[in-house]
Amino acid sequence: MHLVQILLPLTDNERHPFPRQAFDAVAHEMTERFGGVTAHTRSPAEGRWAPMGAGRAEEMVVIEVMIDHLDEAWWHAYRARLESEFRQQRIIVRATAVQLL
């Protein structure tokens, strides 16, 4: 079993907010495909990094799903689609092996 997390920015690179429907569409697609989703939307996470020496912060939501089988090719293609839809150079989609206790 795996936990897949998708980190989506709240705004584009010019700081224009994405509409709520953009995040709802991702959550809906995850629910339809995998049977459920958890979306952390009330308290956005904050990412910080220092590209080329200039500090920058970005708020994001985290959408996660639990899956039995990790189809890496599908997830790579889905990440590329999200990068296009959210106008980002890179969107983080990460998977962690999970052992239920």
PDB file of N, CA and C in Angstrom:
ATOM      1  N   MET A   1       0.843  -1.169   0.000  1.00  0.00           N
ATOM      2  CA  MET A   1       0.000   0.000   0.000  1.00  0.00           C
ATOM      3  C   MET A   1       0.894   1.239   0.000  1.00  0.00           C
ATOM      4  N   HIS A   2       0.410   2.294  -0.676  1.00  0.00           N
ATOM      5  CA  HIS A   2       1.156   3.548  -0.752  1.00  0.00           C
ATOM      6  C   HIS A   2       0.255   4.738  -0.431  1.00  0.00           C
ATOM      7  N   LEU A   3       0.862   5.759   0.126  1.00  0.00           N
ATOM      8  CA  LEU A   3       0.221   7.051   0.296  1.00  0.00           C
ATOM      9  C   LEU A   3       0.833   7.970  -0.755  1.00  0.00           C
ATOM     10  N   VAL A   4      -0.012   8.496  -1.642  1.00  0.00           N
ATOM     11  CA  VAL A   4       0.457   9.426  -2.663  1.00  0.00           C
ATOM     12  C   VAL A   4      -0.027  10.815  -2.275  1.00  0.00           C
ATOM     13  N   GLN A   5       0.902  11.767  -2.240  1.00  0.00           N
ATOM     14  CA  GLN A   5       0.584  13.142  -1.900  1.00  0.00           C
ATOM     15  C   GLN A   5       0.881  14.039  -3.099  1.00  0.00           C
ATOM     16  N   ILE A   6      -0.058  14.939  -3.359  1.00  0.00           N
ATOM     17  CA  ILE A   6       0.079  15.921  -4.433  1.00  0.00           C
ATOM     18  C   ILE A   6       0.112  17.289  -3.770  1.00  0.00           C
ATOM     19  N   LEU A   7       1.171  18.060  -3.998  1.00  0.00           N
ATOM     20  CA  LEU A   7       1.297  19.392  -3.429  1.00  0.00           C
ATOM     21  C   LEU A   7       0.958  20.402  -4.518  1.00  0.00           C
ATOM     22  N   LEU A   8      -0.165  21.116  -4.338  1.00  0.00           N
ATOM     23  CA  LEU A   8      -0.644  22.060  -5.343  1.00  0.00           C
ATOM     24  C   LEU A   8      -0.554  23.488  -4.824  1.00  0.00           C
ATOM     25  N   PRO A   9       0.023  24.398  -5.604  1.00  0.00           N
ATOM     26  CA  PRO A   9       0.137  25.788  -5.161  1.00  0.00           C
ATOM     27  C   PRO A   9      -1.222  26.482  -5.193  1.00  0.00           C
ATOM     28  N   LEU A  10      -1.419  27.402  -4.256  1.00  0.00           N
ATOM     29  CA  LEU A  10      -2.667  28.171  -4.228  1.00  0.00           C
ATOM     30  C   LEU A  10      -2.694  29.260  -5.294  1.00  0.00           C
ATOM     31  N   THR A  11      -1.501  29.689  -5.729  1.00  0.00           N
ATOM     32  CA  THR A  11      -1.419  30.769  -6.721  1.00  0.00           C
ATOM     33  C   THR A  11      -0.453  30.393  -7.840  1.00  0.00           C
ATOM     34  N   ASP A  12      -0.588  31.099  -8.967  1.00  0.00           N
ATOM     35  CA  ASP A  12       0.375  30.886 -10.045  1.00  0.00           C
ATOM     36  C   ASP A  12       1.637  31.703  -9.757  1.00  0.00           C
ATOM     37  N   ASN A  13       2.568  31.715 -10.674  1.00  0.00           N
ATOM     38  CA  ASN A  13       3.852  32.384 -10.447  1.00  0.00           C
ATOM     39  C   ASN A  13       3.729  33.900 -10.356  1.00  0.00           C
ATOM     40  N   GLU A  14       2.610  34.455 -10.810  1.00  0.00           N
ATOM     41  CA  GLU A  14       2.370  35.898 -10.695  1.00  0.00           C
ATOM     42  C   GLU A  14       1.495  36.216  -9.483  1.00  0.00           C
ATOM     43  N   ARG A  15       1.294  35.214  -8.630  1.00  0.00           N
ATOM     44  CA  ARG A  15       0.511  35.335  -7.394  1.00  0.00           C
ATOM     45  C   ARG A  15      -0.987  35.501  -7.621  1.00  0.00           C
ATOM     46  N   HIS A  16      -1.494  35.069  -8.780  1.00  0.00           N
ATOM     47  CA  HIS A  16      -2.934  35.057  -9.029  1.00  0.00           C
ATOM     48  C   HIS A  16      -3.490  33.746  -8.479  1.00  0.00           C
ATOM     49  N   PRO A  17      -4.509  33.817  -7.626  1.00  0.00           N
ATOM     50  CA  PRO A  17      -5.040  32.579  -7.024  1.00  0.00           C
ATOM     51  C   PRO A  17      -5.760  31.707  -8.035  1.00  0.00           C
ATOM     52  N   PHE A  18      -5.581  30.403  -7.853  1.00  0.00           N
ATOM     53  CA  PHE A  18      -6.336  29.453  -8.655  1.00  0.00           C
ATOM     54  C   PHE A  18      -7.738  29.348  -8.064  1.00  0.00           C
ATOM     55  N   PRO A  19      -8.751  29.128  -8.896  1.00  0.00           N
ATOM     56  CA  PRO A  19     -10.107  28.997  -8.360  1.00  0.00           C
ATOM     57  C   PRO A  19     -10.253  27.700  -7.565  1.00  0.00           C
ATOM     58  N   ARG A  20     -11.134  27.707  -6.608  1.00  0.00           N
ATOM     59  CA  ARG A  20     -11.400  26.530  -5.772  1.00  0.00           C
ATOM     60  C   ARG A  20     -11.744  25.320  -6.640  1.00  0.00           C
ATOM     61  N   GLN A  21     -12.399  25.571  -7.769  1.00  0.00           N
ATOM     62  CA  GLN A  21     -12.804  24.476  -8.654  1.00  0.00           C
ATOM     63  C   GLN A  21     -11.604  23.680  -9.165  1.00  0.00           C
ATOM     64  N   ALA A  22     -10.442  24.314  -9.308  1.00  0.00           N
ATOM     65  CA  ALA A  22      -9.254  23.600  -9.783  1.00  0.00           C
ATOM     66  C   ALA A  22      -8.852  22.508  -8.792  1.00  0.00           C
ATOM     67  N   PHE A  23      -8.921  22.821  -7.502  1.00  0.00           N
ATOM     68  CA  PHE A  23      -8.565  21.844  -6.470  1.00  0.00           C
ATOM     69  C   PHE A  23      -9.664  20.802  -6.313  1.00  0.00           C
ATOM     70  N   ASP A  24     -10.909  21.269  -6.406  1.00  0.00           N
ATOM     71  CA  ASP A  24     -12.040  20.333  -6.333  1.00  0.00           C
ATOM     72  C   ASP A  24     -11.988  19.307  -7.460  1.00  0.00           C
ATOM     73  N   ALA A  25     -11.559  19.736  -8.643  1.00  0.00           N
ATOM     74  CA  ALA A  25     -11.477  18.828  -9.787  1.00  0.00           C
ATOM     75  C   ALA A  25     -10.442  17.730  -9.537  1.00  0.00           C
ATOM     76  N   VAL A  26      -9.307  18.097  -8.947  1.00  0.00           N
ATOM     77  CA  VAL A  26      -8.277  17.090  -8.637  1.00  0.00           C
ATOM     78  C   VAL A  26      -8.819  16.118  -7.589  1.00  0.00           C
ATOM     79  N   ALA A  27      -9.444  16.645  -6.537  1.00  0.00           N
ATOM     80  CA  ALA A  27      -9.996  15.777  -5.490  1.00  0.00           C
ATOM     81  C   ALA A  27     -11.074  14.857  -6.053  1.00  0.00           C
ATOM     82  N   HIS A  28     -11.920  15.385  -6.932  1.00  0.00           N
ATOM     83  CA  HIS A  28     -12.967  14.573  -7.548  1.00  0.00           C
ATOM     84  C   HIS A  28     -12.355  13.450  -8.390  1.00  0.00           C
ATOM     85  N   GLU A  29     -11.344  13.790  -9.177  1.00  0.00           N
ATOM     86  CA  GLU A  29     -10.704  12.777 -10.021  1.00  0.00           C
ATOM     87  C   GLU A  29     -10.054  11.680  -9.172  1.00  0.00           C
ATOM     88  N   MET A  30      -9.414  12.065  -8.074  1.00  0.00           N
ATOM     89  CA  MET A  30      -8.795  11.072  -7.191  1.00  0.00           C
ATOM     90  C   MET A  30      -9.863  10.171  -6.557  1.00  0.00           C
ATOM     91  N   THR A  31     -10.988  10.756  -6.180  1.00  0.00           N
ATOM     92  CA  THR A  31     -12.083   9.979  -5.594  1.00  0.00           C
ATOM     93  C   THR A  31     -12.644   8.993  -6.609  1.00  0.00           C
ATOM     94  N   GLU A  32     -12.863   9.467  -7.824  1.00  0.00           N
ATOM     95  CA  GLU A  32     -13.402   8.591  -8.872  1.00  0.00           C
ATOM     96  C   GLU A  32     -12.437   7.459  -9.203  1.00  0.00           C
ATOM     97  N   ARG A  33     -11.160   7.766  -9.281  1.00  0.00           N
ATOM     98  CA  ARG A  33     -10.174   6.768  -9.703  1.00  0.00           C
ATOM     99  C   ARG A  33      -9.790   5.803  -8.581  1.00  0.00           C
ATOM    100  N   PHE A  34      -9.660   6.326  -7.343  1.00  0.00           N
ATOM    101  CA  PHE A  34      -9.119   5.511  -6.251  1.00  0.00           C
ATOM    102  C   PHE A  34     -10.096   5.265  -5.108  1.00  0.00           C
ATOM    103  N   GLY A  35     -11.297   5.829  -5.194  1.00  0.00           N
ATOM    104  CA  GLY A  35     -12.320   5.528  -4.204  1.00  0.00           C
ATOM    105  C   GLY A  35     -12.351   6.426  -2.982  1.00  0.00           C
ATOM    106  N   GLY A  36     -11.438   7.386  -2.894  1.00  0.00           N
ATOM    107  CA  GLY A  36     -11.431   8.301  -1.748  1.00  0.00           C
ATOM    108  C   GLY A  36     -10.253   9.243  -1.833  1.00  0.00           C
ATOM    109  N   VAL A  37     -10.315  10.290  -1.049  1.00  0.00           N
ATOM    110  CA  VAL A  37      -9.260  11.301  -1.070  1.00  0.00           C
ATOM    111  C   VAL A  37      -9.290  12.057   0.254  1.00  0.00           C
ATOM    112  N   THR A  38      -8.151  12.570   0.656  1.00  0.00           N
ATOM    113  CA  THR A  38      -8.068  13.517   1.757  1.00  0.00           C
ATOM    114  C   THR A  38      -7.441  14.781   1.183  1.00  0.00           C
ATOM    115  N   ALA A  39      -8.121  15.907   1.373  1.00  0.00           N
ATOM    116  CA  ALA A  39      -7.611  17.188   0.874  1.00  0.00           C
ATOM    117  C   ALA A  39      -7.402  18.120   2.058  1.00  0.00           C
ATOM    118  N   HIS A  40      -6.170  18.531   2.257  1.00  0.00           N
ATOM    119  CA  HIS A  40      -5.822  19.461   3.335  1.00  0.00           C
ATOM    120  C   HIS A  40      -5.914  20.872   2.764  1.00  0.00           C
ATOM    121  N   THR A  41      -7.090  21.488   2.901  1.00  0.00           N
ATOM    122  CA  THR A  41      -7.339  22.783   2.258  1.00  0.00           C
ATOM    123  C   THR A  41      -7.577  23.919   3.253  1.00  0.00           C
ATOM    124  N   ARG A  42      -7.867  23.624   4.494  1.00  0.00           N
ATOM    125  CA  ARG A  42      -8.203  24.685   5.451  1.00  0.00           C
ATOM    126  C   ARG A  42      -6.978  25.396   6.013  1.00  0.00           C
ATOM    127  N   SER A  43      -5.902  24.707   6.164  1.00  0.00           N
ATOM    128  CA  SER A  43      -4.660  25.304   6.668  1.00  0.00           C
ATOM    129  C   SER A  43      -3.553  24.991   5.671  1.00  0.00           C
ATOM    130  N   PRO A  44      -3.414  25.833   4.651  1.00  0.00           N
ATOM    131  CA  PRO A  44      -2.432  25.520   3.616  1.00  0.00           C
ATOM    132  C   PRO A  44      -1.024  25.350   4.193  1.00  0.00           C
ATOM    133  N   ALA A  45      -0.304  24.425   3.628  1.00  0.00           N
ATOM    134  CA  ALA A  45       1.100  24.253   3.969  1.00  0.00           C
ATOM    135  C   ALA A  45       1.886  25.387   3.328  1.00  0.00           C
ATOM    136  N   GLU A  46       3.051  25.658   3.868  1.00  0.00           N
ATOM    137  CA  GLU A  46       3.881  26.700   3.289  1.00  0.00           C
ATOM    138  C   GLU A  46       5.225  26.103   2.923  1.00  0.00           C
ATOM    139  N   GLY A  47       5.604  26.274   1.665  1.00  0.00           N
ATOM    140  CA  GLY A  47       6.905  25.825   1.205  1.00  0.00           C
ATOM    141  C   GLY A  47       7.825  27.023   1.073  1.00  0.00           C
ATOM    142  N   ARG A  48       9.072  26.865   1.473  1.00  0.00           N
ATOM    143  CA  ARG A  48      10.069  27.942   1.344  1.00  0.00           C
ATOM    144  C   ARG A  48      11.314  27.384   0.673  1.00  0.00           C
ATOM    145  N   TRP A  49      11.873  28.157  -0.208  1.00  0.00           N
ATOM    146  CA  TRP A  49      13.129  27.781  -0.835  1.00  0.00           C
ATOM    147  C   TRP A  49      13.852  29.033  -1.285  1.00  0.00           C
ATOM    148  N   ALA A  50      15.100  28.888  -1.631  1.00  0.00           N
ATOM    149  CA  ALA A  50      15.927  30.026  -2.004  1.00  0.00           C
ATOM    150  C   ALA A  50      16.486  29.827  -3.413  1.00  0.00           C
ATOM    151  N   PRO A  51      15.637  29.982  -4.436  1.00  0.00           N
ATOM    152  CA  PRO A  51      16.157  29.850  -5.794  1.00  0.00           C
ATOM    153  C   PRO A  51      17.043  31.042  -6.162  1.00  0.00           C
ATOM    154  N   MET A  52      18.192  30.751  -6.632  1.00  0.00           N
ATOM    155  CA  MET A  52      19.138  31.772  -7.073  1.00  0.00           C
ATOM    156  C   MET A  52      19.357  32.852  -6.014  1.00  0.00           C
ATOM    157  N   GLY A  53      19.350  32.453  -4.733  1.00  0.00           N
ATOM    158  CA  GLY A  53      19.689  33.379  -3.667  1.00  0.00           C
ATOM    159  C   GLY A  53      18.553  34.239  -3.151  1.00  0.00           C
ATOM    160  N   ALA A  54      17.380  34.205  -3.757  1.00  0.00           N
ATOM    161  CA  ALA A  54      16.263  35.030  -3.301  1.00  0.00           C
ATOM    162  C   ALA A  54      15.239  34.144  -2.614  1.00  0.00           C
ATOM    163  N   GLY A  55      14.979  34.384  -1.333  1.00  0.00           N
ATOM    164  CA  GLY A  55      14.021  33.565  -0.592  1.00  0.00           C
ATOM    165  C   GLY A  55      12.610  33.765  -1.125  1.00  0.00           C
ATOM    166  N   ARG A  56      11.831  32.705  -1.100  1.00  0.00           N
ATOM    167  CA  ARG A  56      10.460  32.764  -1.596  1.00  0.00           C
ATOM    168  C   ARG A  56       9.610  31.773  -0.815  1.00  0.00           C
ATOM    169  N   ALA A  57       8.376  32.155  -0.548  1.00  0.00           N
ATOM    170  CA  ALA A  57       7.439  31.264   0.136  1.00  0.00           C
ATOM    171  C   ALA A  57       6.230  31.059  -0.760  1.00  0.00           C
ATOM    172  N   GLU A  58       5.637  29.866  -0.660  1.00  0.00           N
ATOM    173  CA  GLU A  58       4.461  29.558  -1.460  1.00  0.00           C
ATOM    174  C   GLU A  58       3.512  28.717  -0.616  1.00  0.00           C
ATOM    175  N   GLU A  59       2.239  29.110  -0.604  1.00  0.00           N
ATOM    176  CA  GLU A  59       1.240  28.317   0.101  1.00  0.00           C
ATOM    177  C   GLU A  59       0.692  27.254  -0.841  1.00  0.00           C
ATOM    178  N   MET A  60       0.395  26.099  -0.262  1.00  0.00           N
ATOM    179  CA  MET A  60      -0.103  24.998  -1.079  1.00  0.00           C
ATOM    180  C   MET A  60      -1.102  24.171  -0.301  1.00  0.00           C
ATOM    181  N   VAL A  61      -1.890  23.427  -1.039  1.00  0.00           N
ATOM    182  CA  VAL A  61      -2.769  22.427  -0.438  1.00  0.00           C
ATOM    183  C   VAL A  61      -2.163  21.064  -0.726  1.00  0.00           C
ATOM    184  N   VAL A  62      -2.482  20.124   0.135  1.00  0.00           N
ATOM    185  CA  VAL A  62      -1.992  18.764  -0.038  1.00  0.00           C
ATOM    186  C   VAL A  62      -3.203  17.859  -0.247  1.00  0.00           C
ATOM    187  N   ILE A  63      -3.164  17.131  -1.332  1.00  0.00           N
ATOM    188  CA  ILE A  63      -4.206  16.154  -1.645  1.00  0.00           C
ATOM    189  C   ILE A  63      -3.547  14.789  -1.603  1.00  0.00           C
ATOM    190  N   GLU A  64      -4.171  13.857  -0.875  1.00  0.00           N
ATOM    191  CA  GLU A  64      -3.539  12.548  -0.740  1.00  0.00           C
ATOM    192  C   GLU A  64      -4.542  11.425  -0.914  1.00  0.00           C
ATOM    193  N   VAL A  65      -4.015  10.316  -1.430  1.00  0.00           N
ATOM    194  CA  VAL A  65      -4.813   9.111  -1.631  1.00  0.00           C
ATOM    195  C   VAL A  65      -4.009   7.900  -1.182  1.00  0.00           C
ATOM    196  N   MET A  66      -4.726   6.889  -0.705  1.00  0.00           N
ATOM    197  CA  MET A  66      -4.119   5.605  -0.369  1.00  0.00           C
ATOM    198  C   MET A  66      -4.417   4.667  -1.526  1.00  0.00           C
ATOM    199  N   ILE A  67      -3.378   4.002  -2.030  1.00  0.00           N
ATOM    200  CA  ILE A  67      -3.550   3.113  -3.173  1.00  0.00           C
ATOM    201  C   ILE A  67      -2.864   1.774  -2.894  1.00  0.00           C
ATOM    202  N   ASP A  68      -3.396   0.732  -3.505  1.00  0.00           N
ATOM    203  CA  ASP A  68      -2.813  -0.593  -3.342  1.00  0.00           C
ATOM    204  C   ASP A  68      -1.631  -0.815  -4.276  1.00  0.00           C
ATOM    205  N   HIS A  69      -1.732  -0.308  -5.500  1.00  0.00           N
ATOM    206  CA  HIS A  69      -0.692  -0.517  -6.503  1.00  0.00           C
ATOM    207  C   HIS A  69      -0.219   0.827  -7.030  1.00  0.00           C
ATOM    208  N   LEU A  70       1.080   1.038  -7.074  1.00  0.00           N
ATOM    209  CA  LEU A  70       1.662   2.296  -7.555  1.00  0.00           C
ATOM    210  C   LEU A  70       2.008   2.163  -9.035  1.00  0.00           C
ATOM    211  N   ASP A  71       1.199   2.774  -9.886  1.00  0.00           N
ATOM    212  CA  ASP A  71       1.425   2.786 -11.329  1.00  0.00           C
ATOM    213  C   ASP A  71       2.239   4.047 -11.656  1.00  0.00           C
ATOM    214  N   GLU A  72       3.557   3.893 -11.630  1.00  0.00           N
ATOM    215  CA  GLU A  72       4.440   5.054 -11.777  1.00  0.00           C
ATOM    216  C   GLU A  72       4.256   5.775 -13.101  1.00  0.00           C
ATOM    217  N   ALA A  73       4.031   5.054 -14.179  1.00  0.00           N
ATOM    218  CA  ALA A  73       3.851   5.698 -15.484  1.00  0.00           C
ATOM    219  C   ALA A  73       2.606   6.590 -15.474  1.00  0.00           C
ATOM    220  N   TRP A  74       1.513   6.090 -14.884  1.00  0.00           N
ATOM    221  CA  TRP A  74       0.299   6.902 -14.814  1.00  0.00           C
ATOM    222  C   TRP A  74       0.549   8.151 -13.986  1.00  0.00           C
ATOM    223  N   TRP A  75       1.217   8.018 -12.834  1.00  0.00           N
ATOM    224  CA  TRP A  75       1.471   9.169 -11.968  1.00  0.00           C
ATOM    225  C   TRP A  75       2.402  10.181 -12.622  1.00  0.00           C
ATOM    226  N   HIS A  76       3.383   9.722 -13.376  1.00  0.00           N
ATOM    227  CA  HIS A  76       4.269  10.657 -14.092  1.00  0.00           C
ATOM    228  C   HIS A  76       3.465  11.483 -15.098  1.00  0.00           C
ATOM    229  N   ALA A  77       2.598  10.821 -15.843  1.00  0.00           N
ATOM    230  CA  ALA A  77       1.766  11.522 -16.825  1.00  0.00           C
ATOM    231  C   ALA A  77       0.788  12.471 -16.136  1.00  0.00           C
ATOM    232  N   TYR A  78       0.228  12.049 -15.012  1.00  0.00           N
ATOM    233  CA  TYR A  78      -0.714  12.900 -14.282  1.00  0.00           C
ATOM    234  C   TYR A  78      -0.006  14.136 -13.732  1.00  0.00           C
ATOM    235  N   ARG A  79       1.204  13.957 -13.201  1.00  0.00           N
ATOM    236  CA  ARG A  79       1.981  15.093 -12.708  1.00  0.00           C
ATOM    237  C   ARG A  79       2.229  16.089 -13.832  1.00  0.00           C
ATOM    238  N   ALA A  80       2.598  15.599 -15.012  1.00  0.00           N
ATOM    239  CA  ALA A  80       2.837  16.492 -16.155  1.00  0.00           C
ATOM    240  C   ALA A  80       1.569  17.258 -16.518  1.00  0.00           C
ATOM    241  N   ARG A  81       0.437  16.582 -16.457  1.00  0.00           N
ATOM    242  CA  ARG A  81      -0.835  17.261 -16.746  1.00  0.00           C
ATOM    243  C   ARG A  81      -1.122  18.351 -15.722  1.00  0.00           C
ATOM    244  N   LEU A  82      -0.893  18.055 -14.439  1.00  0.00           N
ATOM    245  CA  LEU A  82      -1.101  19.062 -13.401  1.00  0.00           C
ATOM    246  C   LEU A  82      -0.156  20.252 -13.575  1.00  0.00           C
ATOM    247  N   GLU A  83       1.082  19.973 -13.955  1.00  0.00           N
ATOM    248  CA  GLU A  83       2.031  21.072 -14.185  1.00  0.00           C
ATOM    249  C   GLU A  83       1.529  22.004 -15.272  1.00  0.00           C
ATOM    250  N   SER A  84       0.927  21.453 -16.299  1.00  0.00           N
ATOM    251  CA  SER A  84       0.357  22.263 -17.365  1.00  0.00           C
ATOM    252  C   SER A  84      -0.862  23.037 -16.873  1.00  0.00           C
ATOM    253  N   GLU A  85      -1.787  22.354 -16.207  1.00  0.00           N
ATOM    254  CA  GLU A  85      -3.017  22.990 -15.740  1.00  0.00           C
ATOM    255  C   GLU A  85      -2.757  24.076 -14.700  1.00  0.00           C
ATOM    256  N   PHE A  86      -1.762  23.863 -13.834  1.00  0.00           N
ATOM    257  CA  PHE A  86      -1.452  24.841 -12.792  1.00  0.00           C
ATOM    258  C   PHE A  86      -0.279  25.756 -13.187  1.00  0.00           C
ATOM    259  N   ARG A  87       0.148  25.664 -14.426  1.00  0.00           N
ATOM    260  CA  ARG A  87       1.194  26.533 -14.974  1.00  0.00           C
ATOM    261  C   ARG A  87       2.446  26.568 -14.077  1.00  0.00           C
ATOM    262  N   GLN A  88       2.959  25.368 -13.778  1.00  0.00           N
ATOM    263  CA  GLN A  88       4.122  25.227 -12.901  1.00  0.00           C
ATOM    264  C   GLN A  88       5.229  24.466 -13.607  1.00  0.00           C
ATOM    265  N   GLN A  89       6.472  24.816 -13.278  1.00  0.00           N
ATOM    266  CA  GLN A  89       7.601  24.044 -13.802  1.00  0.00           C
ATOM    267  C   GLN A  89       7.639  22.654 -13.173  1.00  0.00           C
ATOM    268  N   ARG A  90       7.271  22.589 -11.898  1.00  0.00           N
ATOM    269  CA  ARG A  90       7.294  21.301 -11.204  1.00  0.00           C
ATOM    270  C   ARG A  90       6.216  21.281 -10.134  1.00  0.00           C
ATOM    271  N   ILE A  91       5.450  20.233 -10.125  1.00  0.00           N
ATOM    272  CA  ILE A  91       4.515  19.952  -9.042  1.00  0.00           C
ATOM    273  C   ILE A  91       5.009  18.676  -8.380  1.00  0.00           C
ATOM    274  N   ILE A  92       5.051  18.710  -7.065  1.00  0.00           N
ATOM    275  CA  ILE A  92       5.529  17.551  -6.329  1.00  0.00           C
ATOM    276  C   ILE A  92       4.394  16.541  -6.169  1.00  0.00           C
ATOM    277  N   VAL A  93       4.655  15.339  -6.640  1.00  0.00           N
ATOM    278  CA  VAL A  93       3.788  14.187  -6.399  1.00  0.00           C
ATOM    279  C   VAL A  93       4.727  13.135  -5.810  1.00  0.00           C
ATOM    280  N   ARG A  94       4.450  12.756  -4.584  1.00  0.00           N
ATOM    281  CA  ARG A  94       5.354  11.813  -3.917  1.00  0.00           C
ATOM    282  C   ARG A  94       4.571  10.633  -3.359  1.00  0.00           C
ATOM    283  N   ALA A  95       5.244   9.503  -3.301  1.00  0.00           N
ATOM    284  CA  ALA A  95       4.616   8.274  -2.812  1.00  0.00           C
ATOM    285  C   ALA A  95       5.469   7.704  -1.689  1.00  0.00           C
ATOM    286  N   THR A  96       4.783   7.213  -0.661  1.00  0.00           N
ATOM    287  CA  THR A  96       5.445   6.594   0.482  1.00  0.00           C
ATOM    288  C   THR A  96       4.802   5.241   0.735  1.00  0.00           C
ATOM    289  N   ALA A  97       5.618   4.232   0.906  1.00  0.00           N
ATOM    290  CA  ALA A  97       5.082   2.922   1.271  1.00  0.00           C
ATOM    291  C   ALA A  97       4.469   3.010   2.663  1.00  0.00           C
ATOM    292  N   VAL A  98       3.320   2.386   2.836  1.00  0.00           N
ATOM    293  CA  VAL A  98       2.571   2.461   4.091  1.00  0.00           C
ATOM    294  C   VAL A  98       2.307   1.061   4.611  1.00  0.00           C
ATOM    295  N   GLN A  99       2.512   0.884   5.888  1.00  0.00           N
ATOM    296  CA  GLN A  99       2.131  -0.360   6.563  1.00  0.00           C
ATOM    297  C   GLN A  99       1.035  -0.008   7.558  1.00  0.00           C
ATOM    298  N   LEU A 100      -0.156  -0.517   7.336  1.00  0.00           N
ATOM    299  CA  LEU A 100      -1.253  -0.254   8.260  1.00  0.00           C
ATOM    300  C   LEU A 100      -1.058  -1.073   9.522  1.00  0.00           C
ATOM    301  N   LEU A 101      -1.274  -0.440  10.658  1.00  0.00           N
ATOM    302  CA  LEU A 101      -1.089  -1.106  11.948  1.00  0.00           C
ATOM    303  C   LEU A 101      -2.409  -1.432  12.597  1.00  0.00           C
TER     304      LEU A 101
END
